[in-house]
Amino acid sequence: MKLHRSLSVLVTIWCLAILPDALAQTNVLAKIDRPLLKEPKYQSTPNYSLLVLGSSGSVKVWMVEDGKRLFVDKNANGDLTDDGPPIQPSNVRNIGALSPGSGERWDFNYLLDAITPADGARHTHFDLRRWNYGDKEDSYGLSLSVADQLPVYAGWFGTFWSAKPETAPVIHFGGSFTPKMLRAKEFVIGPGKRRLSIAFVNPGSGPGAESLLSIEALPKYLTPKLNIEWPTAPGKTPVRTTHVLTERCCYWEFYTTTFEMPDGVTVGRAKVSVEFPESLVPIQLTTTEFKAPVVAQAKESN
């Protein structure tokens, strides 16, 4: 499936609203051991990225892009020389320039059936997309099914590679996810229906290393529900609302388009809690609650 073209457009429209509380957290992945024991002879300047697979974080898989070929530590032993030949581009498309003098547009995929570490778990449907539609820098997006069961995405936001192993982004496929708002980082007081969206994110080692739970990871009957406690003026009746996110879109977005700001809300911070209709949710959450600013609607200038 060609996902990168539509996703690259979406990224220009909206991005993850990372809340200040999340940014203040110390990320343990930034200090993990990076066992890269042996490397092949590269043909150009290599770029490095490190994947951590599964909930325990014990499986570490290096990816190194060498020009337009990709080395993947398929058996997760820290040796990039015993995994067979590097992966070559597939599904190569040369789309051409949008207009005379503009940059050429192209895309391709690095495809791999499975990563098979010694612990026996098979991580399948590896698909690393690379594209450039006339931008200054190439873009990347990776999808992978953890243990052949949990589809997750990474890339599209921030820097995907580093020129050195010791500074490579550490992307956690699996582990615990944190609910985050999408499309907006705040609630705006005012009338009218609007879109209310969240995603489930693992921050990895920091900006550029986030991974996002696929909408396909949750069965249709596991519909997220948002319970929101709104800020109100002192002495006023508390305002609480509930919103069922029945719609799914854009590979990692859970949302509703029927959201409306309730009456009686003031500027402040809303407390949002995530609820599922079943107790057996196939993911771990770092928290079921987060806060988001509530701001006044901007006045139109004359």
Protein backbone atom coordinates (compact mmCIF):
# COMPACT_ATOMS: atom_id res chain seq x y z
CA MET A 1 0.00 0.00 0.00
CA LYS A 2 1.30 3.44 -0.91
CA LEU A 3 0.96 5.41 2.32
CA HIS A 4 3.76 7.94 2.10
CA ARG A 5 2.24 10.28 -0.45
CA SER A 6 -0.97 10.98 1.45
CA LEU A 7 0.85 11.10 4.78
CA SER A 8 3.35 13.66 3.54
CA VAL A 9 0.41 15.91 2.68
CA LEU A 10 -1.16 15.35 6.10
CA VAL A 11 2.05 16.34 7.87
CA THR A 12 1.91 19.76 6.23
CA ILE A 13 -1.62 20.23 7.64
CA TRP A 14 -1.24 18.99 11.20
CA CYS A 15 1.23 17.48 13.62
CA LEU A 16 1.27 15.92 17.06
CA ALA A 17 0.46 18.28 19.89
CA ILE A 18 3.13 17.31 22.41
CA LEU A 19 2.07 18.72 25.74
CA PRO A 20 4.56 20.44 28.10
CA ASP A 21 3.98 17.76 30.76
CA ALA A 22 5.20 15.08 28.36
CA LEU A 23 8.24 17.09 27.28
CA ALA A 24 9.30 17.44 30.90
CA GLN A 25 9.56 13.70 31.38
CA THR A 26 12.98 12.03 31.36
CA ASN A 27 13.12 9.48 28.57
CA VAL A 28 15.03 6.36 29.56
CA LEU A 29 15.58 5.30 25.95
CA ALA A 30 17.99 8.17 25.47
CA LYS A 31 20.47 6.36 27.73
CA ILE A 32 20.11 2.73 26.63
CA ASP A 33 23.00 0.55 25.56
CA ARG A 34 23.67 0.75 21.81
CA PRO A 35 25.40 -2.54 20.89
CA LEU A 36 26.61 -2.10 17.32
CA LEU A 37 29.35 -4.73 17.21
CA LYS A 38 30.20 -5.07 13.54
CA GLU A 39 29.49 -3.05 10.41
CA PRO A 40 29.92 -3.69 6.68
CA LYS A 41 31.97 -1.54 4.36
CA TYR A 42 29.81 1.36 3.27
CA GLN A 43 29.78 2.97 -0.15
CA SER A 44 28.79 6.40 1.10
CA THR A 45 28.28 8.27 4.36
CA PRO A 46 25.99 6.06 6.51
CA ASN A 47 22.98 7.22 8.50
CA TYR A 48 21.94 5.39 11.67
CA SER A 49 18.67 4.66 13.47
CA LEU A 50 18.01 2.19 16.29
CA LEU A 51 14.77 0.27 16.74
CA VAL A 52 13.72 -1.18 20.10
CA LEU A 53 11.09 -3.89 19.62
CA GLY A 54 8.54 -5.26 22.05
CA SER A 55 7.42 -4.27 25.52
CA SER A 56 10.60 -5.29 27.36
CA GLY A 57 12.93 -3.16 25.24
CA SER A 58 15.53 -5.92 25.15
CA VAL A 59 15.45 -6.41 21.35
CA LYS A 60 17.54 -3.77 19.58
CA VAL A 61 17.72 -3.61 15.80
CA TRP A 62 20.04 -1.27 13.92
CA MET A 63 19.09 0.26 10.60
CA VAL A 64 21.80 1.91 8.52
CA GLU A 65 21.10 3.60 5.22
CA ASP A 66 24.06 3.67 2.87
CA GLY A 67 23.15 5.85 -0.08
CA LYS A 68 20.04 4.13 -1.42
CA ARG A 69 20.51 0.74 0.15
CA LEU A 70 19.49 -0.28 3.64
CA PHE A 71 21.23 -2.53 6.14
CA VAL A 72 18.96 -4.02 8.82
CA ASP A 73 20.16 -6.16 11.73
CA LYS A 74 17.55 -8.81 10.97
CA ASN A 75 18.59 -11.15 13.80
CA ALA A 76 19.13 -8.34 16.36
CA ASN A 77 22.61 -9.49 17.37
CA GLY A 78 24.42 -6.19 16.81
CA ASP A 79 26.20 -7.52 13.70
CA LEU A 80 25.24 -5.95 10.36
CA THR A 81 27.47 -8.27 8.35
CA ASP A 82 25.59 -11.57 8.85
CA ASP A 83 22.13 -10.55 7.61
CA GLY A 84 22.57 -11.10 3.89
CA PRO A 85 22.79 -8.37 1.28
CA PRO A 86 21.41 -4.89 1.99
CA ILE A 87 17.83 -4.13 1.03
CA GLN A 88 17.46 -2.38 -2.31
CA PRO A 89 14.65 0.06 -3.23
CA SER A 90 11.34 -1.41 -4.40
CA ASN A 91 8.32 0.23 -6.05
CA VAL A 92 10.50 3.02 -7.38
CA ARG A 93 8.52 5.90 -8.87
CA ASN A 94 9.90 8.94 -10.68
CA ILE A 95 6.94 11.31 -10.77
CA GLY A 96 8.59 14.31 -12.38
CA ALA A 97 8.62 17.97 -11.40
CA LEU A 98 5.50 19.94 -10.56
CA SER A 99 6.69 22.80 -12.74
CA PRO A 100 9.77 23.68 -14.83
CA GLY A 101 12.71 24.38 -12.55
CA SER A 102 11.18 22.78 -9.47
CA GLY A 103 12.68 19.72 -7.82
CA GLU A 104 12.07 16.21 -9.09
CA ARG A 105 9.53 14.10 -7.22
CA TRP A 106 10.11 10.44 -6.48
CA ASP A 107 9.48 7.73 -3.90
CA PHE A 108 10.34 4.10 -3.11
CA ASN A 109 10.12 1.45 -0.39
CA TYR A 110 12.60 -0.70 1.50
CA LEU A 111 10.71 -3.94 2.14
CA LEU A 112 11.51 -6.79 4.52
CA ASP A 113 9.34 -9.78 5.40
CA ALA A 114 10.44 -10.14 9.01
CA ILE A 115 12.96 -9.33 11.71
CA THR A 116 13.71 -12.53 13.63
CA PRO A 117 15.73 -12.04 16.83
CA ALA A 118 16.99 -14.96 18.88
CA ASP A 119 14.04 -14.72 21.30
CA GLY A 120 11.85 -16.23 18.58
CA ALA A 121 9.37 -13.38 18.09
CA ARG A 122 8.88 -12.40 14.45
CA HIS A 123 8.34 -8.72 13.74
CA THR A 124 6.76 -8.54 10.31
CA HIS A 125 5.66 -6.29 7.45
CA PHE A 126 8.69 -3.99 7.67
CA ASP A 127 8.18 -1.16 5.18
CA LEU A 128 10.46 1.88 5.23
CA ARG A 129 9.30 4.52 2.76
CA ARG A 130 11.53 7.28 1.42
CA TRP A 131 10.25 10.11 -0.72
CA ASN A 132 10.89 13.62 -1.93
CA TYR A 133 8.19 15.69 -3.59
CA GLY A 134 10.29 18.75 -4.29
CA ASP A 135 11.41 19.46 -0.72
CA LYS A 136 14.90 20.34 0.47
CA GLU A 137 15.25 17.09 2.44
CA ASP A 138 14.02 13.55 1.85
CA SER A 139 11.28 12.22 4.11
CA TYR A 140 10.95 8.80 5.73
CA GLY A 141 8.14 6.73 7.24
CA LEU A 142 8.35 3.24 8.73
CA SER A 143 5.63 0.71 9.48
CA LEU A 144 6.13 -2.59 11.30
CA SER A 145 3.96 -5.22 13.01
CA VAL A 146 5.42 -5.97 16.43
CA ALA A 147 5.36 -9.73 17.09
CA ASP A 148 3.29 -10.01 13.89
CA GLN A 149 0.31 -8.60 15.82
CA LEU A 150 0.70 -4.91 16.70
CA PRO A 151 1.02 -2.50 13.74
CA VAL A 152 2.94 0.69 14.55
CA TYR A 153 4.22 3.65 12.56
CA ALA A 154 7.25 5.94 12.95
CA GLY A 155 8.77 8.81 11.02
CA TRP A 156 7.09 11.68 9.15
CA PHE A 157 7.86 13.99 12.09
CA GLY A 158 11.35 15.32 12.77
CA THR A 159 14.71 13.71 12.14
CA PHE A 160 14.76 9.99 11.41
CA TRP A 161 18.55 9.45 11.14
CA SER A 162 21.85 10.45 12.69
CA ALA A 163 25.34 10.44 11.20
CA LYS A 164 26.70 8.66 14.31
CA PRO A 165 25.50 5.55 16.18
CA GLU A 166 25.86 7.21 19.56
CA THR A 167 23.38 9.94 18.61
CA ALA A 168 20.99 7.81 16.55
CA PRO A 169 17.27 8.21 17.31
CA VAL A 170 15.92 5.31 19.37
CA ILE A 171 12.45 4.37 18.14
CA HIS A 172 10.40 2.07 20.37
CA PHE A 173 8.00 -0.17 18.45
CA GLY A 174 5.80 -1.48 21.23
CA GLY A 175 6.11 -0.66 24.90
CA SER A 176 3.76 1.80 26.55
CA PHE A 177 1.80 4.44 24.67
CA THR A 178 0.64 7.86 25.80
CA PRO A 179 -2.58 9.48 24.52
CA LYS A 180 -1.97 12.81 22.76
CA MET A 181 -4.21 15.31 21.06
CA LEU A 182 -3.91 15.70 17.31
CA ARG A 183 -4.54 18.62 14.98
CA ALA A 184 -4.70 21.08 17.89
CA LYS A 185 -2.83 21.48 21.15
CA GLU A 186 -5.60 23.43 22.87
CA PHE A 187 -9.36 23.84 23.11
CA VAL A 188 -10.76 27.12 21.79
CA ILE A 189 -13.92 28.52 23.39
CA GLY A 190 -16.56 29.20 20.77
CA PRO A 191 -19.57 27.75 18.95
CA GLY A 192 -19.69 25.18 16.18
CA LYS A 193 -18.87 21.55 15.65
CA ARG A 194 -15.25 20.61 15.20
CA ARG A 195 -12.89 17.63 15.06
CA LEU A 196 -11.59 16.10 18.28
CA SER A 197 -8.70 13.69 17.70
CA ILE A 198 -6.14 11.69 19.63
CA ALA A 199 -3.32 9.28 18.86
CA PHE A 200 -1.40 6.84 21.04
CA VAL A 201 2.28 7.71 21.00
CA ASN A 202 5.52 6.24 22.29
CA PRO A 203 7.98 9.18 22.44
CA GLY A 204 11.09 7.06 21.88
CA SER A 205 14.31 8.88 22.68
CA GLY A 206 12.92 12.29 21.77
CA PRO A 207 11.82 14.48 18.84
CA GLY A 208 11.94 12.53 15.59
CA ALA A 209 11.84 9.16 17.35
CA GLU A 210 8.13 9.00 18.15
CA SER A 211 6.11 5.94 17.14
CA LEU A 212 2.35 5.86 16.73
CA LEU A 213 -0.14 3.07 17.25
CA SER A 214 -1.95 2.09 14.08
CA ILE A 215 -5.73 2.40 14.05
CA GLU A 216 -5.71 -1.22 12.90
CA ALA A 217 -4.12 -2.30 16.20
CA LEU A 218 -7.42 -1.95 18.06
CA PRO A 219 -10.52 -3.95 17.15
CA LYS A 220 -13.46 -1.87 15.96
CA TYR A 221 -15.38 -2.56 19.16
CA LEU A 222 -12.60 -0.97 21.25
CA THR A 223 -13.74 2.60 20.73
CA PRO A 224 -11.83 5.21 22.76
CA LYS A 225 -13.97 7.52 24.87
CA LEU A 226 -12.78 10.90 26.16
CA ASN A 227 -14.18 12.21 29.43
CA ILE A 228 -13.38 15.91 29.85
CA GLU A 229 -13.58 17.99 33.02
CA TRP A 230 -13.70 21.64 31.96
CA PRO A 231 -12.48 24.73 33.82
CA THR A 232 -15.34 26.91 35.12
CA ALA A 233 -15.61 30.14 37.06
CA PRO A 234 -15.33 29.87 40.87
CA GLY A 235 -18.61 28.80 42.44
CA LYS A 236 -20.12 27.65 39.15
CA THR A 237 -21.45 24.15 38.52
CA PRO A 238 -18.72 21.77 37.25
CA VAL A 239 -18.91 20.99 33.54
CA ARG A 240 -18.11 17.48 32.35
CA THR A 241 -18.61 16.02 28.88
CA THR A 242 -18.06 12.66 27.20
CA HIS A 243 -17.05 12.10 23.58
CA VAL A 244 -16.89 8.73 21.83
CA LEU A 245 -14.26 8.60 19.09
CA THR A 246 -16.13 6.44 16.63
CA GLU A 247 -14.15 7.42 13.55
CA ARG A 248 -10.64 6.44 12.43
CA CYS A 249 -8.43 7.98 9.81
CA CYS A 250 -4.96 8.70 8.53
CA TYR A 251 -3.37 5.52 9.89
CA TRP A 252 -3.14 6.58 13.56
CA GLU A 253 -5.98 9.05 14.27
CA PHE A 254 -9.01 8.27 16.45
CA TYR A 255 -11.57 11.06 16.25
CA THR A 256 -15.08 12.47 16.15
CA THR A 257 -16.41 15.39 14.12
CA THR A 258 -19.38 16.05 16.40
CA PHE A 259 -17.43 17.74 19.21
CA GLU A 260 -18.75 21.09 20.46
CA MET A 261 -17.45 23.26 23.28
CA PRO A 262 -19.92 23.18 26.17
CA ASP A 263 -21.47 26.29 27.71
CA GLY A 264 -20.07 27.69 30.94
CA VAL A 265 -16.40 26.93 30.17
CA THR A 266 -13.71 29.46 31.06
CA VAL A 267 -10.07 29.87 30.14
CA GLY A 268 -7.84 27.39 32.00
CA ARG A 269 -6.85 23.75 31.62
CA ALA A 270 -9.14 20.85 30.80
CA LYS A 271 -8.56 17.44 32.33
CA VAL A 272 -9.00 14.72 29.71
CA SER A 273 -9.26 11.04 30.59
CA VAL A 274 -9.24 8.16 28.09
CA GLU A 275 -11.59 5.25 28.63
CA PHE A 276 -12.16 2.01 26.72
CA PRO A 277 -15.31 -0.12 26.86
CA GLU A 278 -13.32 -3.25 27.62
CA SER A 279 -10.71 -3.94 30.26
CA LEU A 280 -8.60 -6.14 27.99
CA VAL A 281 -6.98 -3.50 25.80
CA PRO A 282 -4.04 -4.95 23.78
CA ILE A 283 -1.73 -2.03 24.62
CA GLN A 284 -0.13 -0.57 27.71
CA LEU A 285 -0.76 3.08 28.52
CA THR A 286 1.61 5.27 30.52
CA THR A 287 -1.42 7.25 31.67
CA THR A 288 -5.11 7.53 30.96
CA GLU A 289 -5.18 11.27 31.72
CA PHE A 290 -3.66 14.42 30.31
CA LYS A 291 -4.37 18.16 30.45
CA ALA A 292 -4.87 20.61 27.61
CA PRO A 293 -5.16 24.41 27.63
CA VAL A 294 -8.54 26.06 27.11
CA VAL A 295 -8.15 29.46 25.44
CA ALA A 296 -10.44 32.26 24.32
CA GLN A 297 -11.36 32.63 20.69
CA ALA A 298 -9.17 35.18 18.95
CA LYS A 299 -10.92 38.41 18.04
CA GLU A 300 -11.12 39.26 14.36
CA SER A 301 -9.18 42.36 13.42
CA ASN A 302 -11.01 45.12 11.55
